[in-house]
């Protein structure tokens, strides 16, 4: 009983920490809005894959966009429903996304739910890595997974797809055959190979222009959009201390 209460308390504390970080900074919200305004217009459909506590949903909705928010963690699904459950322009999908529809083992980091993951390779890469100290995945749950193509069939073609799934980004893109005008995927310097696979997949899907941001800066690092080869070279040259960020891809 005490163990169950302790985990529930840690889960609540972890969610509260995320809410404080991702909703508490006005300057961060303003920077996020400036970034996403390049990709999202009023009336657009957006897929938020790995919605977490929904801070990006808030920005997309302020643009007048419709949002499909995909998040497999039960505590975060409850949080999303509390914040956005009455908004008819937000559909909350309590699933993971991968290369095929299946069931997945999902590893929960109850103290820091933003790095919960379905990727064992991600956990191994994070173990002992600088910048990832103290992370622990203490519970495993089974979750259903769908594909981006299946979501497209259900909801329609989005203008923008944001993917942030802690090491499973290439798996998500493997389930996409109908590219949207723009997308982003998270990268980490502990798993550059995953990002390289994502760039290769995006190139096969027809994306020709790329950019990136570091961390949560919400500022693009390249003044002009660059090629797949250039963004891959930039990624390889990053110091390990850069830790993480997002790569953006545009169709011609």
Protein backbone atom coordinates (compact mmCIF):
# COMPACT_ATOMS: atom_id res chain seq x y z
CA UNK A 1 0.00 0.00 0.00
CA UNK A 2 2.74 2.43 1.02
CA UNK A 3 4.69 1.66 -2.20
CA UNK A 4 1.63 2.40 -4.33
CA UNK A 5 0.98 5.65 -2.49
CA UNK A 6 4.60 6.66 -2.91
CA UNK A 7 4.52 6.10 -6.69
CA UNK A 8 1.24 8.00 -6.99
CA UNK A 9 2.75 10.93 -5.11
CA UNK A 10 5.87 10.86 -7.29
CA UNK A 11 3.69 10.79 -10.41
CA UNK A 12 1.73 13.82 -9.24
CA UNK A 13 4.95 15.62 -8.36
CA UNK A 14 6.42 14.78 -11.77
CA UNK A 15 3.35 16.10 -13.61
CA UNK A 16 3.32 19.25 -11.46
CA UNK A 17 6.99 19.81 -12.29
CA UNK A 18 6.23 19.57 -16.01
CA UNK A 19 3.29 21.95 -15.73
CA UNK A 20 5.46 24.46 -13.92
CA UNK A 21 8.27 24.22 -16.46
CA UNK A 22 6.19 24.21 -19.62
CA UNK A 23 3.41 26.64 -18.69
CA UNK A 24 5.15 29.00 -16.29
CA UNK A 25 7.41 31.03 -18.61
CA UNK A 26 5.75 33.75 -20.69
CA UNK A 27 8.89 34.51 -22.69
CA UNK A 28 9.11 30.84 -23.65
CA UNK A 29 5.51 30.85 -24.85
CA UNK A 30 6.15 33.96 -26.94
CA UNK A 31 9.23 32.40 -28.54
CA UNK A 32 7.29 29.21 -29.23
CA UNK A 33 4.52 31.19 -30.91
CA UNK A 34 7.01 32.99 -33.15
CA UNK A 35 8.52 29.68 -34.20
CA UNK A 36 5.34 27.75 -34.92
CA UNK A 37 3.66 30.64 -36.71
CA UNK A 38 5.96 29.78 -39.62
CA UNK A 39 4.23 26.41 -40.02
CA UNK A 40 0.68 26.72 -38.66
CA UNK A 41 -2.16 28.96 -39.85
CA UNK A 42 -5.75 29.42 -38.62
CA UNK A 43 -7.87 26.40 -39.49
CA UNK A 44 -4.89 24.09 -40.01
CA UNK A 45 -4.74 20.60 -38.55
CA UNK A 46 -1.71 19.77 -36.38
CA UNK A 47 -0.56 16.42 -35.02
CA UNK A 48 1.23 16.70 -31.65
CA UNK A 49 2.94 13.32 -31.27
CA UNK A 50 4.17 13.07 -27.70
CA UNK A 51 1.96 15.86 -26.40
CA UNK A 52 3.18 15.55 -22.79
CA UNK A 53 1.30 18.23 -20.78
CA UNK A 54 0.11 20.09 -23.87
CA UNK A 55 2.06 23.35 -23.85
CA UNK A 56 2.34 23.27 -27.64
CA UNK A 57 -1.37 22.53 -27.96
CA UNK A 58 -1.97 25.84 -26.23
CA UNK A 59 0.07 27.69 -28.86
CA UNK A 60 -1.53 25.84 -31.80
CA UNK A 61 -5.01 26.59 -30.49
CA UNK A 62 -4.18 30.28 -30.11
CA UNK A 63 -3.41 30.22 -33.82
CA UNK A 64 -6.88 28.80 -34.44
CA UNK A 65 -5.55 25.39 -35.44
CA UNK A 66 -7.18 22.04 -34.73
CA UNK A 67 -4.98 19.59 -32.83
CA UNK A 68 -4.70 15.82 -32.52
CA UNK A 69 -2.77 15.29 -29.29
CA UNK A 70 -1.17 11.85 -28.97
CA UNK A 71 0.14 10.78 -25.56
CA UNK A 72 0.32 7.25 -24.07
CA UNK A 73 1.10 8.08 -20.42
CA UNK A 74 -2.10 7.68 -18.34
CA UNK A 75 -1.27 10.50 -15.90
CA UNK A 76 -0.55 12.88 -18.78
CA UNK A 77 -3.70 11.85 -20.63
CA UNK A 78 -5.68 12.79 -17.53
CA UNK A 79 -3.84 16.12 -17.42
CA UNK A 80 -4.58 16.82 -21.09
CA UNK A 81 -8.24 16.01 -20.57
CA UNK A 82 -8.41 18.36 -17.59
CA UNK A 83 -6.88 21.22 -19.61
CA UNK A 84 -8.30 20.58 -23.10
CA UNK A 85 -11.06 18.01 -22.68
CA UNK A 86 -13.84 20.55 -23.31
CA UNK A 87 -12.20 21.97 -26.43
CA UNK A 88 -13.87 20.36 -29.44
CA UNK A 89 -10.92 21.37 -31.62
CA UNK A 90 -8.57 19.12 -29.61
CA UNK A 91 -8.73 15.34 -30.03
CA UNK A 92 -6.78 13.41 -27.39
CA UNK A 93 -5.46 9.99 -28.47
CA UNK A 94 -4.20 7.91 -25.50
CA UNK A 95 -1.81 5.82 -27.60
CA UNK A 96 1.79 5.59 -28.75
CA UNK A 97 2.81 5.92 -32.41
CA UNK A 98 5.14 3.58 -34.29
CA UNK A 99 5.81 1.86 -37.58
CA UNK A 100 2.81 -0.44 -37.16
CA UNK A 101 -0.32 -0.88 -35.06
CA UNK A 102 0.64 -3.11 -32.13
CA UNK A 103 1.10 -3.19 -28.35
CA UNK A 104 4.29 -1.73 -26.86
CA UNK A 105 6.11 -1.89 -23.55
CA UNK A 106 6.33 1.71 -22.34
CA UNK A 107 8.83 2.63 -19.61
CA UNK A 108 7.62 5.30 -17.19
CA UNK A 109 9.93 7.78 -15.52
CA UNK A 110 7.49 8.90 -12.84
CA UNK A 111 9.76 11.64 -11.50
CA UNK A 112 10.40 13.14 -14.94
CA UNK A 113 7.60 12.00 -17.28
CA UNK A 114 8.95 14.04 -20.18
CA UNK A 115 11.57 11.32 -20.75
CA UNK A 116 9.33 8.28 -20.42
CA UNK A 117 9.94 6.10 -23.46
CA UNK A 118 9.13 3.01 -25.49
CA UNK A 119 12.77 2.76 -26.61
CA UNK A 120 15.11 0.50 -24.65
CA UNK A 121 17.98 1.85 -26.77
CA UNK A 122 17.19 5.35 -25.53
CA UNK A 123 17.34 4.22 -21.91
CA UNK A 124 20.66 2.48 -22.48
CA UNK A 125 22.10 5.56 -24.19
CA UNK A 126 20.94 7.80 -21.33
CA UNK A 127 22.37 5.55 -18.62
CA UNK A 128 25.34 7.40 -17.15
CA UNK A 129 25.51 9.97 -19.95
CA UNK A 130 26.40 13.58 -19.00
CA UNK A 131 23.22 15.63 -18.72
CA UNK A 132 21.10 12.56 -18.06
CA UNK A 133 22.18 11.81 -14.51
CA UNK A 134 19.60 10.53 -12.06
CA UNK A 135 17.01 9.37 -14.58
CA UNK A 136 15.16 6.19 -13.60
CA UNK A 137 12.49 4.25 -15.45
CA UNK A 138 10.77 2.41 -12.64
CA UNK A 139 7.57 1.06 -14.15
CA UNK A 140 6.53 -0.62 -17.39
CA UNK A 141 3.04 -0.47 -18.86
CA UNK A 142 1.57 -1.96 -22.03
CA UNK A 143 0.14 0.63 -24.41
CA UNK A 144 -1.53 0.41 -27.83
CA UNK A 145 0.33 1.96 -30.74
CA UNK A 146 -1.02 3.33 -33.99
CA UNK A 147 0.70 4.85 -37.03
CA UNK A 148 0.82 8.32 -38.53
CA UNK A 149 -0.85 6.96 -41.66
CA UNK A 150 -3.73 5.62 -39.55
CA UNK A 151 -4.13 8.99 -37.86
CA UNK A 152 -4.19 10.66 -41.30
CA UNK A 153 -6.99 8.34 -42.39
CA UNK A 154 -8.97 9.15 -39.26
CA UNK A 155 -8.41 12.91 -39.00
CA UNK A 156 -7.14 14.11 -42.37
CA UNK A 157 -3.86 15.55 -43.62
CA UNK A 158 -2.16 17.84 -41.08
CA UNK A 159 -0.26 20.97 -42.06
CA UNK A 160 2.35 20.24 -39.41
CA UNK A 161 3.46 17.18 -37.44
CA UNK A 162 5.48 17.60 -34.24
CA UNK A 163 7.24 14.43 -33.03
CA UNK A 164 8.84 14.22 -29.58
CA UNK A 165 8.92 10.62 -28.38
CA UNK A 166 12.26 10.05 -26.62
CA UNK A 167 14.21 7.87 -29.00
CA UNK A 168 11.31 6.47 -31.06
CA UNK A 169 11.22 9.26 -33.65
CA UNK A 170 12.50 7.06 -36.49
CA UNK A 171 9.88 4.43 -35.62
CA UNK A 172 7.16 7.07 -35.85
CA UNK A 173 8.37 8.32 -39.23
CA UNK A 174 8.52 4.73 -40.52
CA UNK A 175 4.73 4.68 -40.24
CA UNK A 176 4.28 7.74 -42.49
CA UNK A 177 3.88 7.45 -46.28
CA UNK A 178 1.83 10.60 -46.94
CA UNK A 179 4.06 13.54 -45.97
CA UNK A 180 2.64 16.77 -44.59
CA UNK A 181 3.98 20.18 -45.67
CA UNK A 182 6.12 20.48 -42.53
CA UNK A 183 7.20 18.40 -39.57
CA UNK A 184 9.65 18.40 -36.69
CA UNK A 185 11.32 15.64 -34.72
CA UNK A 186 13.37 15.76 -31.54
CA UNK A 187 17.02 14.73 -31.55
CA UNK A 188 19.45 13.96 -28.73
CA UNK A 189 23.24 13.93 -28.87
CA UNK A 190 23.24 10.58 -27.06
CA UNK A 191 21.38 9.07 -30.04
CA UNK A 192 22.53 10.92 -33.16
CA UNK A 193 21.95 7.78 -35.19
CA UNK A 194 18.20 8.04 -34.55
CA UNK A 195 18.18 11.60 -35.88
CA UNK A 196 20.26 10.55 -38.89
CA UNK A 197 17.70 7.84 -39.65
CA UNK A 198 14.93 10.44 -39.36
CA UNK A 199 16.70 12.75 -41.83
CA UNK A 200 17.12 9.85 -44.25
CA UNK A 201 13.44 8.93 -43.92
CA UNK A 202 12.36 12.54 -44.43
CA UNK A 203 14.49 12.74 -47.57
CA UNK A 204 12.80 9.63 -48.93
CA UNK A 205 9.43 11.21 -48.20
CA UNK A 206 10.40 14.23 -50.31
CA UNK A 207 11.50 16.80 -47.71
CA UNK A 208 14.26 19.00 -49.13
CA UNK A 209 14.67 21.91 -46.70
CA UNK A 210 15.84 21.61 -43.11
CA UNK A 211 16.49 23.71 -40.03
CA UNK A 212 16.95 23.12 -36.33
CA UNK A 213 16.70 24.55 -32.84
CA UNK A 214 18.73 23.73 -29.77
CA UNK A 215 17.10 22.79 -26.49
CA UNK A 216 13.96 24.78 -25.76
CA UNK A 217 15.23 28.01 -27.35
CA UNK A 218 12.50 28.01 -30.02
CA UNK A 219 14.87 29.88 -32.33
CA UNK A 220 16.05 28.38 -35.61
CA UNK A 221 19.82 28.10 -35.81
CA UNK A 222 20.13 28.57 -39.59
CA UNK A 223 19.10 31.85 -41.18
CA UNK A 224 18.40 30.06 -44.44
CA UNK A 225 16.96 26.58 -44.75
CA UNK A 226 19.59 24.00 -45.64
CA UNK A 227 19.81 20.62 -47.37
CA UNK A 228 19.57 17.21 -45.75
CA UNK A 229 23.33 16.77 -46.11
CA UNK A 230 23.99 20.12 -44.42
CA UNK A 231 21.68 19.48 -41.48
CA UNK A 232 23.18 16.00 -41.02
CA UNK A 233 26.68 17.53 -41.00
CA UNK A 234 25.57 20.15 -38.47
CA UNK A 235 24.16 17.42 -36.24
CA UNK A 236 27.37 15.38 -36.36
CA UNK A 237 29.43 18.44 -35.40
CA UNK A 238 27.38 19.34 -32.33
CA UNK A 239 29.18 18.96 -29.00
CA UNK A 240 27.77 16.28 -26.72
CA UNK A 241 26.81 19.04 -24.27
CA UNK A 242 24.23 20.38 -26.75
CA UNK A 243 22.06 17.54 -25.41
CA UNK A 244 18.89 17.87 -27.48
CA UNK A 245 16.76 19.94 -29.79
CA UNK A 246 14.46 19.62 -32.80
CA UNK A 247 15.01 19.32 -36.53
CA UNK A 248 12.43 20.84 -38.89
CA UNK A 249 11.72 19.61 -42.41
CA UNK A 250 9.77 21.25 -45.23
CA UNK A 251 8.50 19.91 -48.53
CA UNK A 252 9.54 21.88 -51.64
